[in-house]
Structures are given as structure tokens and as C-alpha cells.
C-alpha atoms as a PDB file:
ATOM      1  CA  MET A   1      -0.323   0.285   0.038  1.00  0.00           C
ATOM      2  CA  LEU A   2       1.353   3.023  -0.828  1.00  0.00           C
ATOM      3  CA  ALA A   3       1.793   5.831   2.156  1.00  0.00           C
ATOM      4  CA  LEU A   4      -0.435   8.490   1.250  1.00  0.00           C
ATOM      5  CA  SER A   5       1.984  12.102   2.323  1.00  0.00           C
ATOM      6  CA  GLY A   6       2.188  16.145   2.111  1.00  0.00           C
ATOM      7  CA  ALA A   7      -0.643  16.766  -0.745  1.00  0.00           C
ATOM      8  CA  LEU A   8      -2.242  13.702  -1.229  1.00  0.00           C
ATOM      9  CA  ALA A   9      -3.084  13.183   1.843  1.00  0.00           C
ATOM     10  CA  ALA A  10      -4.777  15.945   1.630  1.00  0.00           C
ATOM     11  CA  VAL A  11      -7.116  14.441  -1.106  1.00  0.00           C
ATOM     12  CA  GLY A  12     -10.758  14.106   0.066  1.00  0.00           C
ATOM     13  CA  ARG A  13     -12.690  14.805   3.155  1.00  0.00           C
ATOM     14  CA  THR A  14     -14.200  17.668   1.460  1.00  0.00           C
ATOM     15  CA  PRO A  15     -16.682  19.924   3.780  1.00  0.00           C
ATOM     16  CA  LEU A  16     -20.609  18.911   2.982  1.00  0.00           C
ATOM     17  CA  VAL A  17     -22.194  22.260   3.457  1.00  0.00           C
ATOM     18  CA  PRO A  18     -26.005  23.801   3.488  1.00  0.00           C
ATOM     19  CA  LEU A  19     -27.243  25.141   0.607  1.00  0.00           C
ATOM     20  CA  SER A  20     -30.131  27.078   1.984  1.00  0.00           C
ATOM     21  CA  ARG A  21     -30.457  30.228  -0.158  1.00  0.00           C
ATOM     22  CA  LEU A  22     -31.271  29.268  -2.747  1.00  0.00           C
ATOM     23  CA  PRO A  23     -35.132  29.517  -2.772  1.00  0.00           C
ATOM     24  CA  ILE A  24     -35.303  25.164  -3.483  1.00  0.00           C
ATOM     25  CA  ALA A  25     -34.614  25.191   0.150  1.00  0.00           C
ATOM     26  CA  ASN A  26     -38.411  27.017   1.313  1.00  0.00           C
ATOM     27  CA  VAL A  27     -39.210  23.241   0.148  1.00  0.00           C
ATOM     28  CA  LEU A  28     -36.373  20.880  -0.078  1.00  0.00           C
ATOM     29  CA  ARG A  29     -33.045  20.111   2.158  1.00  0.00           C
ATOM     30  CA  PRO A  30     -30.020  20.696  -1.004  1.00  0.00           C
ATOM     31  CA  PHE A  31     -26.657  20.494   0.105  1.00  0.00           C
ATOM     32  CA  GLY A  32     -23.698  20.873  -1.886  1.00  0.00           C
ATOM     33  CA  LYS A  33     -20.393  18.911  -1.911  1.00  0.00           C
ATOM     34  CA  LEU A  34     -17.034  20.851  -1.852  1.00  0.00           C
ATOM     35  CA  GLU A  35     -14.719  19.236  -4.533  1.00  0.00           C
ATOM     36  CA  ALA A  36     -13.234  21.881  -5.011  1.00  0.00           C
ATOM     37  CA  LEU A  37     -11.246  21.990  -2.264  1.00  0.00           C
ATOM     38  CA  ASN A  38      -9.647  19.305  -2.780  1.00  0.00           C
ATOM     39  CA  PRO A  39      -5.643  19.719  -3.728  1.00  0.00           C
ATOM     40  CA  ALA A  40      -5.900  20.589  -7.553  1.00  0.00           C
ATOM     41  CA  GLY A  41      -8.879  21.346  -7.664  1.00  0.00           C
ATOM     42  CA  SER A  42     -11.266  18.672  -7.842  1.00  0.00           C
ATOM     43  CA  SER A  43     -13.366  15.670  -7.917  1.00  0.00           C
ATOM     44  CA  LYS A  44     -10.773  14.407  -9.953  1.00  0.00           C
ATOM     45  CA  ASP A  45      -8.510  14.177  -7.510  1.00  0.00           C
ATOM     46  CA  ARG A  46      -9.717  11.044  -6.454  1.00  0.00           C
ATOM     47  CA  PRO A  47      -9.600   9.072  -8.968  1.00  0.00           C
ATOM     48  CA  ALA A  48      -6.004   9.859 -10.359  1.00  0.00           C
ATOM     49  CA  LEU A  49      -4.688   9.044  -6.782  1.00  0.00           C
ATOM     50  CA  ALA A  50      -6.530   5.852  -7.369  1.00  0.00           C
ATOM     51  CA  MET A  51      -5.614   4.905 -10.709  1.00  0.00           C
ATOM     52  CA  ILE A  52      -1.548   5.870  -9.865  1.00  0.00           C
ATOM     53  CA  ARG A  53      -1.975   3.905  -6.359  1.00  0.00           C
ATOM     54  CA  LYS A  54      -3.493   1.053  -8.552  1.00  0.00           C
ATOM     55  CA  GLY A  55      -1.434   0.707 -11.496  1.00  0.00           C
ATOM     56  CA  ILE A  56       2.564   1.129  -9.153  1.00  0.00           C
ATOM     57  CA  GLU A  57       0.517  -1.642  -6.355  1.00  0.00           C
ATOM     58  CA  GLU A  58       0.275  -4.320  -9.230  1.00  0.00           C
ATOM     59  CA  GLY A  59       3.220  -3.646 -10.084  1.00  0.00           C
ATOM     60  CA  HIS A  60       2.865  -1.021 -14.034  1.00  0.00           C
ATOM     61  CA  ILE A  61       4.525   1.731 -11.964  1.00  0.00           C
ATOM     62  CA  GLY A  62       8.170   2.505 -11.487  1.00  0.00           C
ATOM     63  CA  PRO A  63      10.133   5.479 -11.125  1.00  0.00           C
ATOM     64  CA  ASP A  64      10.656   5.960 -14.823  1.00  0.00           C
ATOM     65  CA  THR A  65       7.447   5.411 -15.822  1.00  0.00           C
ATOM     66  CA  VAL A  66       5.654   8.135 -18.168  1.00  0.00           C
ATOM     67  CA  ILE A  67       1.786   8.163 -16.932  1.00  0.00           C
ATOM     68  CA  VAL A  68       0.093   9.217 -19.924  1.00  0.00           C
ATOM     69  CA  GLU A  69      -3.865   9.651 -20.237  1.00  0.00           C
ATOM     70  CA  SER A  70      -6.227  11.734 -22.204  1.00  0.00           C
ATOM     71  CA  SER A  71      -8.198  14.827 -20.614  1.00  0.00           C
ATOM     72  CA  SER A  72      -7.911  18.364 -21.367  1.00  0.00           C
ATOM     73  CA  GLY A  73      -9.641  19.154 -18.213  1.00  0.00           C
ATOM     74  CA  ASN A  74      -9.660  18.455 -14.089  1.00  0.00           C
ATOM     75  CA  MET A  75      -8.496  14.859 -14.449  1.00  0.00           C
ATOM     76  CA  ALA A  76      -5.607  15.841 -16.520  1.00  0.00           C
ATOM     77  CA  LEU A  77      -4.447  18.396 -13.476  1.00  0.00           C
ATOM     78  CA  GLY A  78      -5.532  15.810 -10.614  1.00  0.00           C
ATOM     79  CA  LEU A  79      -3.043  13.264 -12.176  1.00  0.00           C
ATOM     80  CA  ALA A  80      -0.921  15.932 -13.255  1.00  0.00           C
ATOM     81  CA  GLN A  81      -0.687  16.837  -8.821  1.00  0.00           C
ATOM     82  CA  VAL A  82      -0.237  12.782  -8.541  1.00  0.00           C
ATOM     83  CA  CYS A  83       2.501  12.636 -10.630  1.00  0.00           C
ATOM     84  CA  ALA A  84       5.028  15.987  -9.396  1.00  0.00           C
ATOM     85  CA  ALA A  85       4.307  14.265  -5.959  1.00  0.00           C
ATOM     86  CA  LEU A  86       5.938  10.791  -6.874  1.00  0.00           C
ATOM     87  CA  GLY A  87       8.577  12.351  -9.281  1.00  0.00           C
ATOM     88  CA  LEU A  88       6.914  11.130 -12.495  1.00  0.00           C
ATOM     89  CA  ARG A  89       5.914  12.017 -15.746  1.00  0.00           C
ATOM     90  CA  PHE A  90       2.963  13.167 -17.259  1.00  0.00           C
ATOM     91  CA  VAL A  91       1.413  12.875 -20.709  1.00  0.00           C
ATOM     92  CA  SER A  92      -1.573  14.791 -21.362  1.00  0.00           C
ATOM     93  CA  VAL A  93      -2.934  14.793 -24.008  1.00  0.00           C
ATOM     94  CA  VAL A  94      -5.414  17.622 -24.659  1.00  0.00           C
ATOM     95  CA  ASP A  95      -7.324  19.004 -27.477  1.00  0.00           C
ATOM     96  CA  ALA A  96      -8.691  22.716 -29.336  1.00  0.00           C
ATOM     97  CA  LYS A  97     -11.384  22.797 -26.665  1.00  0.00           C
ATOM     98  CA  THR A  98      -8.847  23.119 -24.161  1.00  0.00           C
ATOM     99  CA  THR A  99      -8.629  26.167 -21.943  1.00  0.00           C
ATOM    100  CA  PRO A 100      -5.924  28.567 -21.891  1.00  0.00           C
ATOM    101  CA  GLN A 101      -5.949  28.484 -18.354  1.00  0.00           C
ATOM    102  CA  ASN A 102      -5.458  24.961 -17.769  1.00  0.00           C
ATOM    103  CA  ILE A 103      -2.972  24.542 -20.093  1.00  0.00           C
ATOM    104  CA  ARG A 104      -0.577  26.930 -17.977  1.00  0.00           C
ATOM    105  CA  LEU A 105      -1.670  24.471 -15.216  1.00  0.00           C
ATOM    106  CA  LEU A 106      -0.712  21.667 -16.472  1.00  0.00           C
ATOM    107  CA  HIS A 107       2.280  24.193 -17.670  1.00  0.00           C
ATOM    108  CA  ALA A 108       2.956  24.598 -14.521  1.00  0.00           C
ATOM    109  CA  TYR A 109       3.100  21.554 -12.202  1.00  0.00           C
ATOM    110  CA  ASN A 110       5.514  20.223 -14.993  1.00  0.00           C
ATOM    111  CA  ALA A 111       3.745  18.170 -16.973  1.00  0.00           C
ATOM    112  CA  THR A 112       3.494  17.775 -20.919  1.00  0.00           C
ATOM    113  CA  VAL A 113       0.715  18.444 -23.040  1.00  0.00           C
ATOM    114  CA  ASP A 114       0.595  16.743 -26.343  1.00  0.00           C
ATOM    115  CA  PHE A 115      -2.035  18.482 -28.546  1.00  0.00           C
ATOM    116  CA  VAL A 116      -4.361  16.725 -31.160  1.00  0.00           C
ATOM    117  CA  ALA A 117      -5.519  19.683 -33.514  1.00  0.00           C
ATOM    118  CA  LYS A 118      -8.044  17.585 -35.150  1.00  0.00           C
ATOM    119  CA  PRO A 119     -10.889  16.172 -34.200  1.00  0.00           C
ATOM    120  CA  ASP A 120     -12.264  12.399 -35.748  1.00  0.00           C
ATOM    121  CA  ALA A 121     -12.551  12.473 -38.856  1.00  0.00           C
ATOM    122  CA  ALA A 122     -15.936   9.839 -38.784  1.00  0.00           C
ATOM    123  CA  THR A 123     -17.198  11.458 -35.300  1.00  0.00           C
ATOM    124  CA  GLY A 124     -16.155  14.709 -35.323  1.00  0.00           C
ATOM    125  CA  GLU A 125     -15.277  14.404 -31.568  1.00  0.00           C
ATOM    126  CA  TYR A 126     -11.898  14.766 -29.851  1.00  0.00           C
ATOM    127  CA  LEU A 127     -12.218  11.837 -27.902  1.00  0.00           C
ATOM    128  CA  PRO A 128     -11.988   9.662 -30.147  1.00  0.00           C
ATOM    129  CA  ALA A 129      -8.706  11.739 -31.801  1.00  0.00           C
ATOM    130  CA  ARG A 130      -7.460  12.186 -28.599  1.00  0.00           C
ATOM    131  CA  LEU A 131      -7.713   8.290 -27.212  1.00  0.00           C
ATOM    132  CA  ARG A 132      -6.236   6.904 -30.788  1.00  0.00           C
ATOM    133  CA  ARG A 133      -2.898   9.513 -29.945  1.00  0.00           C
ATOM    134  CA  VAL A 134      -2.813   8.132 -26.585  1.00  0.00           C
ATOM    135  CA  ARG A 135      -2.475   4.741 -27.852  1.00  0.00           C
ATOM    136  CA  GLU A 136      -0.067   6.329 -30.080  1.00  0.00           C
ATOM    137  CA  LEU A 137       2.184   7.400 -26.916  1.00  0.00           C
ATOM    138  CA  LEU A 138       2.316   4.207 -25.293  1.00  0.00           C
ATOM    139  CA  SER A 139       4.300   2.533 -28.847  1.00  0.00           C
ATOM    140  CA  GLU A 140       6.375   5.063 -28.942  1.00  0.00           C
ATOM    141  CA  LEU A 141       7.525   5.463 -25.007  1.00  0.00           C
ATOM    142  CA  PRO A 142       9.060   2.916 -23.462  1.00  0.00           C
ATOM    143  CA  ASP A 143       8.173   1.839 -19.547  1.00  0.00           C
ATOM    144  CA  SER A 144       4.678   4.474 -20.666  1.00  0.00           C
ATOM    145  CA  PHE A 145       1.707   3.525 -18.908  1.00  0.00           C
ATOM    146  CA  TRP A 146      -2.238   4.776 -18.760  1.00  0.00           C
ATOM    147  CA  PRO A 147      -4.120   5.137 -16.290  1.00  0.00           C
ATOM    148  CA  ASN A 148      -7.053   4.731 -18.942  1.00  0.00           C
ATOM    149  CA  GLN A 149      -9.560   6.573 -17.055  1.00  0.00           C
ATOM    150  CA  TYR A 150     -12.227   6.294 -18.698  1.00  0.00           C
ATOM    151  CA  GLU A 151     -12.282   2.125 -17.273  1.00  0.00           C
ATOM    152  CA  ASN A 152     -10.476   1.704 -14.397  1.00  0.00           C
ATOM    153  CA  SER A 153     -12.488   0.407 -11.731  1.00  0.00           C
ATOM    154  CA  ALA A 154     -10.301   2.047  -9.453  1.00  0.00           C
ATOM    155  CA  SER A 155     -11.765   5.491 -10.312  1.00  0.00           C
ATOM    156  CA  PRO A 156     -15.252   4.023  -9.183  1.00  0.00           C
ATOM    157  CA  ASP A 157     -13.829   2.583  -6.045  1.00  0.00           C
ATOM    158  CA  ALA A 158     -12.923   6.555  -5.497  1.00  0.00           C
ATOM    159  CA  HIS A 159     -16.080   7.300  -4.097  1.00  0.00           C
ATOM    160  CA  PHE A 160     -16.772   3.827  -3.123  1.00  0.00           C
ATOM    161  CA  ASP A 161     -13.951   4.842  -0.375  1.00  0.00           C
ATOM    162  CA  THR A 162     -14.363   7.921  -0.251  1.00  0.00           C
ATOM    163  CA  THR A 163     -17.162  10.625  -1.334  1.00  0.00           C
ATOM    164  CA  MET A 164     -20.201   8.567  -0.694  1.00  0.00           C
ATOM    165  CA  PRO A 165     -19.139   7.344   3.320  1.00  0.00           C
ATOM    166  CA  GLU A 166     -17.877  11.446   3.650  1.00  0.00           C
ATOM    167  CA  ILE A 167     -21.462  12.172   2.542  1.00  0.00           C
ATOM    168  CA  VAL A 168     -22.746   9.531   4.929  1.00  0.00           C
ATOM    169  CA  GLU A 169     -20.377  10.299   8.009  1.00  0.00           C
ATOM    170  CA  ALA A 170     -22.005  14.212   7.361  1.00  0.00           C
ATOM    171  CA  LEU A 171     -25.356  13.602   7.661  1.00  0.00           C
ATOM    172  CA  ASN A 172     -25.667  10.626   9.549  1.00  0.00           C
ATOM    173  CA  GLY A 173     -26.856   8.054   6.804  1.00  0.00           C
ATOM    174  CA  GLU A 174     -30.614  10.218   5.710  1.00  0.00           C
ATOM    175  CA  VAL A 175     -30.053  10.561   2.150  1.00  0.00           C
ATOM    176  CA  ASP A 176     -32.956  11.444   0.172  1.00  0.00           C
ATOM    177  CA  PHE A 177     -30.999  12.492  -3.324  1.00  0.00           C
ATOM    178  CA  LEU A 178     -28.181  12.334  -4.552  1.00  0.00           C
ATOM    179  CA  PHE A 179     -27.306  14.434  -7.631  1.00  0.00           C
ATOM    180  CA  CYS A 180     -23.622  13.610  -9.912  1.00  0.00           C
ATOM    181  CA  GLY A 181     -21.832  14.901 -12.522  1.00  0.00           C
ATOM    182  CA  THR A 182     -21.782  12.223 -15.322  1.00  0.00           C
ATOM    183  CA  GLY A 183     -18.588  12.147 -17.717  1.00  0.00           C
ATOM    184  CA  THR A 184     -16.493   9.016 -17.437  1.00  0.00           C
ATOM    185  CA  PHE A 185     -19.663   7.570 -15.350  1.00  0.00           C
ATOM    186  CA  GLY A 186     -17.089   6.665 -12.155  1.00  0.00           C
ATOM    187  CA  THR A 187     -18.429   9.109  -9.526  1.00  0.00           C
ATOM    188  CA  LEU A 188     -22.297   7.803 -10.090  1.00  0.00           C
ATOM    189  CA  ARG A 189     -21.693   4.856 -10.490  1.00  0.00           C
ATOM    190  CA  GLY A 190     -18.960   4.103  -7.164  1.00  0.00           C
ATOM    191  CA  CYS A 191     -21.936   6.524  -5.312  1.00  0.00           C
ATOM    192  CA  TYR A 192     -24.504   4.241  -6.609  1.00  0.00           C
ATOM    193  CA  GLU A 193     -22.717   0.990  -5.507  1.00  0.00           C
ATOM    194  CA  TYR A 194     -22.085   2.247  -1.919  1.00  0.00           C
ATOM    195  CA  ALA A 195     -25.586   3.281  -1.752  1.00  0.00           C
ATOM    196  CA  ARG A 196     -27.077  -0.348  -2.517  1.00  0.00           C
ATOM    197  CA  ALA A 197     -24.107  -2.249  -0.980  1.00  0.00           C
ATOM    198  CA  HIS A 198     -25.425  -0.615   2.387  1.00  0.00           C
ATOM    199  CA  ASN A 199     -28.884  -0.912   1.578  1.00  0.00           C
ATOM    200  CA  MET A 200     -29.614   2.727   1.647  1.00  0.00           C
ATOM    201  CA  THR A 201     -32.738   4.100  -0.272  1.00  0.00           C
ATOM    202  CA  THR A 202     -30.855   7.182  -1.764  1.00  0.00           C
ATOM    203  CA  LYS A 203     -32.162   7.825  -5.485  1.00  0.00           C
ATOM    204  CA  ILE A 204     -29.146   8.784  -7.422  1.00  0.00           C
ATOM    205  CA  VAL A 205     -29.544  11.233 -10.117  1.00  0.00           C
ATOM    206  CA  GLY A 206     -27.628  11.554 -13.251  1.00  0.00           C
ATOM    207  CA  VAL A 207     -25.849  14.848 -14.321  1.00  0.00           C
ATOM    208  CA  ASP A 208     -25.741  14.508 -18.241  1.00  0.00           C
ATOM    209  CA  ALA A 209     -24.843  17.758 -21.069  1.00  0.00           C
ATOM    210  CA  ALA A 210     -27.027  18.230 -23.672  1.00  0.00           C
ATOM    211  CA  GLY A 211     -25.380  16.622 -26.812  1.00  0.00           C
ATOM    212  CA  SER A 212     -24.347  13.151 -24.582  1.00  0.00           C
ATOM    213  CA  VAL A 213     -24.228   9.930 -25.663  1.00  0.00           C
ATOM    214  CA  ILE A 214     -24.183   8.202 -22.162  1.00  0.00           C
ATOM    215  CA  PHE A 215     -27.805   7.825 -21.785  1.00  0.00           C
ATOM    216  CA  ASP A 216     -29.588   8.551 -24.518  1.00  0.00           C
ATOM    217  CA  THR A 217     -29.069   9.917 -27.859  1.00  0.00           C
ATOM    218  CA  SER A 218     -32.225  11.843 -28.285  1.00  0.00           C
ATOM    219  CA  THR A 219     -29.900  15.139 -27.922  1.00  0.00           C
ATOM    220  CA  VAL A 220     -26.992  14.300 -30.163  1.00  0.00           C
ATOM    221  CA  GLY A 221     -26.465  18.032 -32.169  1.00  0.00           C
ATOM    222  CA  ALA A 222     -26.910  19.640 -28.917  1.00  0.00           C
ATOM    223  CA  VAL A 223     -23.621  22.281 -28.393  1.00  0.00           C
ATOM    224  CA  ARG A 224     -21.301  21.613 -25.994  1.00  0.00           C
ATOM    225  CA  ARG A 225     -18.824  23.809 -25.640  1.00  0.00           C
ATOM    226  CA  LEU A 226     -18.095  23.675 -21.505  1.00  0.00           C
ATOM    227  CA  PRO A 227     -16.098  20.597 -19.942  1.00  0.00           C
ATOM    228  CA  GLY A 228     -17.020  19.259 -16.631  1.00  0.00           C
ATOM    229  CA  LEU A 229     -20.187  17.058 -17.531  1.00  0.00           C
ATOM    230  CA  GLY A 230     -21.045  14.362 -21.318  1.00  0.00           C
ATOM    231  CA  ALA A 231     -18.709  12.168 -23.780  1.00  0.00           C
ATOM    232  CA  ALA A 232     -18.830  12.016 -26.854  1.00  0.00           C
ATOM    233  CA  VAL A 233     -18.468   8.506 -26.745  1.00  0.00           C
ATOM    234  CA  ARG A 234     -20.354   5.877 -23.927  1.00  0.00           C
ATOM    235  CA  PRO A 235     -18.049   5.186 -21.045  1.00  0.00           C
ATOM    236  CA  ALA A 236     -17.373   2.117 -20.521  1.00  0.00           C
ATOM    237  CA  LEU A 237     -18.461   2.224 -16.652  1.00  0.00           C
ATOM    238  CA  PHE A 238     -21.391   3.126 -17.996  1.00  0.00           C
ATOM    239  CA  ARG A 239     -24.246   1.129 -16.627  1.00  0.00           C
ATOM    240  CA  PRO A 240     -28.372   2.606 -17.318  1.00  0.00           C
ATOM    241  CA  GLU A 241     -30.349   0.949 -14.001  1.00  0.00           C
ATOM    242  CA  MET A 242     -27.493   3.001 -11.479  1.00  0.00           C
ATOM    243  CA  ALA A 243     -28.994   6.351 -12.344  1.00  0.00           C
ATOM    244  CA  ASP A 244     -32.861   6.622 -11.269  1.00  0.00           C
ATOM    245  CA  PHE A 245     -33.222   9.343 -12.724  1.00  0.00           C
ATOM    246  CA  VAL A 246     -31.569  11.715 -15.592  1.00  0.00           C
ATOM    247  CA  VAL A 247     -31.514  15.364 -15.740  1.00  0.00           C
ATOM    248  CA  HIS A 248     -29.141  16.990 -19.169  1.00  0.00           C
ATOM    249  CA  VAL A 249     -28.201  19.960 -18.936  1.00  0.00           C
ATOM    250  CA  THR A 250     -27.538  22.952 -21.755  1.00  0.00           C
ATOM    251  CA  ASP A 251     -24.374  25.403 -21.552  1.00  0.00           C
ATOM    252  CA  ALA A 252     -27.315  27.751 -20.001  1.00  0.00           C
ATOM    253  CA  ASP A 253     -28.512  26.259 -17.783  1.00  0.00           C
ATOM    254  CA  CYS A 254     -24.680  25.260 -16.340  1.00  0.00           C
ATOM    255  CA  VAL A 255     -23.928  29.121 -16.638  1.00  0.00           C
ATOM    256  CA  ALA A 256     -27.309  30.238 -14.302  1.00  0.00           C
ATOM    257  CA  GLY A 257     -26.964  27.314 -12.157  1.00  0.00           C
ATOM    258  CA  CYS A 258     -23.673  28.419 -11.668  1.00  0.00           C
ATOM    259  CA  ARG A 259     -24.441  32.282 -11.671  1.00  0.00           C
ATOM    260  CA  GLU A 260     -27.349  31.384  -9.196  1.00  0.00           C
ATOM    261  CA  LEU A 261     -24.094  29.410  -6.984  1.00  0.00           C
ATOM    262  CA  VAL A 262     -22.027  32.071  -6.696  1.00  0.00           C
ATOM    263  CA  ARG A 263     -24.840  35.319  -6.277  1.00  0.00           C
ATOM    264  CA  ARG A 264     -26.796  33.680  -3.075  1.00  0.00           C
ATOM    265  CA  GLU A 265     -24.500  31.401  -1.338  1.00  0.00           C
ATOM    266  CA  GLY A 266     -20.508  32.946  -2.596  1.00  0.00           C
ATOM    267  CA  LEU A 267     -20.033  29.630  -4.151  1.00  0.00           C
ATOM    268  CA  LEU A 268     -17.978  30.636  -7.064  1.00  0.00           C
ATOM    269  CA  LEU A 269     -17.671  27.508  -8.881  1.00  0.00           C
ATOM    270  CA  GLY A 270     -16.646  24.980 -11.957  1.00  0.00           C
ATOM    271  CA  ALA A 271     -19.605  24.930 -15.307  1.00  0.00           C
ATOM    272  CA  SER A 272     -20.412  21.106 -13.863  1.00  0.00           C
ATOM    273  CA  SER A 273     -21.151  22.271 -10.436  1.00  0.00           C
ATOM    274  CA  GLY A 274     -24.173  25.466 -12.161  1.00  0.00           C
ATOM    275  CA  GLY A 275     -24.950  21.800 -13.561  1.00  0.00           C
ATOM    276  CA  ILE A 276     -25.698  20.023 -10.821  1.00  0.00           C
ATOM    277  CA  VAL A 277     -27.805  23.212  -9.154  1.00  0.00           C
ATOM    278  CA  ALA A 278     -30.005  23.631 -12.093  1.00  0.00           C
ATOM    279  CA  ALA A 279     -30.939  18.865 -12.586  1.00  0.00           C
ATOM    280  CA  MET A 280     -32.001  20.044  -8.406  1.00  0.00           C
ATOM    281  CA  TYR A 281     -34.303  23.299  -9.710  1.00  0.00           C
ATOM    282  CA  ARG A 282     -35.690  21.028 -12.845  1.00  0.00           C
ATOM    283  CA  LEU A 283     -36.690  17.575 -10.749  1.00  0.00           C
ATOM    284  CA  SER A 284     -37.496  19.820  -7.516  1.00  0.00           C
ATOM    285  CA  GLU A 285     -41.385  19.096  -8.534  1.00  0.00           C
ATOM    286  CA  GLN A 286     -41.309  15.172  -8.306  1.00  0.00           C
ATOM    287  CA  MET A 287     -38.658  15.408  -4.970  1.00  0.00           C
ATOM    288  CA  PRO A 288     -41.030  15.474  -1.598  1.00  0.00           C
ATOM    289  CA  ARG A 289     -40.571  18.285   0.531  1.00  0.00           C
ATOM    290  CA  GLY A 290     -38.097  17.617   3.205  1.00  0.00           C
ATOM    291  CA  SER A 291     -36.265  15.580   0.933  1.00  0.00           C
ATOM    292  CA  THR A 292     -32.494  15.544   1.548  1.00  0.00           C
ATOM    293  CA  CYS A 293     -30.560  16.596  -1.811  1.00  0.00           C
ATOM    294  CA  VAL A 294     -26.624  16.146  -1.692  1.00  0.00           C
ATOM    295  CA  GLY A 295     -25.181  17.607  -4.811  1.00  0.00           C
ATOM    296  CA  ILE A 296     -21.148  17.151  -5.834  1.00  0.00           C
ATOM    297  CA  LEU A 297     -20.484  19.912  -6.443  1.00  0.00           C
ATOM    298  CA  PRO A 298     -17.056  18.913  -8.337  1.00  0.00           C
ATOM    299  CA  ASP A 299     -14.164  21.416  -9.354  1.00  0.00           C
ATOM    300  CA  ARG A 300     -13.628  25.606  -9.120  1.00  0.00           C
ATOM    301  CA  GLY A 301     -14.566  28.458 -10.580  1.00  0.00           C
ATOM    302  CA  GLU A 302     -12.177  30.316 -11.556  1.00  0.00           C
ATOM    303  CA  ARG A 303     -10.911  28.042 -14.156  1.00  0.00           C
ATOM    304  CA  TYR A 304     -13.815  29.984 -15.978  1.00  0.00           C
ATOM    305  CA  LEU A 305     -13.348  32.780 -15.756  1.00  0.00           C
ATOM    306  CA  ASP A 306     -13.072  33.440 -19.847  1.00  0.00           C
ATOM    307  CA  THR A 307     -16.408  31.081 -20.230  1.00  0.00           C
ATOM    308  CA  VAL A 308     -19.119  30.933 -17.326  1.00  0.00           C
ATOM    309  CA  TYR A 309     -18.390  34.396 -15.545  1.00  0.00           C
ATOM    310  CA  ASP A 310     -17.521  36.287 -18.669  1.00  0.00           C
ATOM    311  CA  ASP A 311     -20.323  38.610 -19.712  1.00  0.00           C
END
């Protein structure tokens, strides 16, 4: 077992705060899990650490191993931080949708940025092109390792072992509805598996982006400019039965939710957090009065000053 110290020992144990100034608090008990307070700023710190830890324990990662992953956002930053703390080289495969700020942050962590300029010809999406580039790098770089956030069981395990137990402890097990953003499906799956393993009656709400293919293709074609929610390829971790409800949110919903959070709660959070709040509003009439609902709010808002918070 890899002993944790320094920044890595600070991953997790994020606060759960009441969102008592949101209008829905008149009929519900809304809470937010502030994942922005993880060391690298997002919920992805948890699976990033878990995947590297698993790779080391299984003998796939040694002191000279190069870590290669496809990510243009929070997972890239989470892995960059873990690799920096462990002295490992990290290559992040990004694309044209990656924000300039995230590029600067990756460089600050001494990560190598590998840029994919053109989307996949068949789908018009960047993700298939990024995955193809990852496989090319694995064949080119000796002693390289792909955590593969899209399939690695350590991703949901991280939320089974840490995120959901923290929520349950904070609320004495009284969680009626849990709102999880979906992308790789790691967060939702880990929380679902914990709830069912402990015979909880918690309803799991999957919050997906309009235009994503994860749950269905009815909204495909909708423009997705903001990162954090949705996917162009259905993740291997996906299981449709794990979500009791699914809410699709647009970029405009995410922006409105973020503005609501900062105006009423003083929380400057990222786009997917706004989507979570928008989903709470959307589903509020279907939740019994007084229900305790928890939203996992994934990341910081400073990374979205040029998008979500740009008037």
C-alpha cells in the first residue's frame, strides 16, 4: 500500500455545506459537496490518486514510468498533481477545447502537453482522436502507462471508498437524492454501488450534458462548449440502471446555476456545479417536500472566468 503524505494525504474529506439560500431550500434540504477544496481543485483528485496508487501496487508503474492520459480538464490536473508529488513524468493529451488556463496549469505542474488539433473524421468529436493519440504514445514511449480513466475500476472505487462514505457520515445516512455529474461515469457508479451495498434507499440522479451520448442520443447535435459533463463516447463504466433519474442540462443551464451559486451562496464554482444546481431545480417538483438532496459540486470557478463568468 502506497503511504500518502504531503498534498496527496489531503485528497478527500471535503466539506458538505447546506445550500440554504437557494430558493429550493424552501421546500427541500439541499447540500453541496465542495470538491473544489481538493488540492488540485476538483473531484478528479480522488480517482487520479486511486488509479496511480493501483498502478504502483500492481507493478505497472515504477520510478521511471511515463503516465499518459487523455484529458483536457480536471483529470489532467489531478494526475499532474499526483505525478508531480511522486516524481513521475506525465503526458496529457489535450485538444482545441482545452482552456488556455488549464494548459498553463499543466505546465506549472511540469506536465507535458500533447495537442490534438483535429477532431475524429468519422464523428467530428475530439475524444476518439485523443484516444487514438494516447495509443500512439504508448507504442512510442518505453515504460509508459495509461490509467484509462474511462475504464479503470479504481475510478468508481475511489468514490465508493471516500466520497459516498463522507456524505453518509456528514448526514447520518439521511440522503434521499444524490446528484452526480456524468462523464466517465466513475463518480455516479461508485456512489451508486456504495448506496446499494449498504442498503440505502438514496435515489441517484445522473446529470448529463445535452448533446452527450451517455444515456441516450436524443439530444445529440446540441452544442457542448463547456467541459465537465457528458461524453462523445459512451464510457465502459456506464450502466443505465444505476441512475434512478437523468437530467440533461445545457451550457446555458450551467451558466445560470453557477451565477445562482455565487450570487446566493458566495460559491464560485465550475460549470458542472452549475449544471448540478440546475438539475436540482428541474427535479424539485418530483422530490417529496423536505427531501435531503446532495449535489457533488466538482470544481473551482476560477478556471471558468473567461466562459461561465464572462459577461
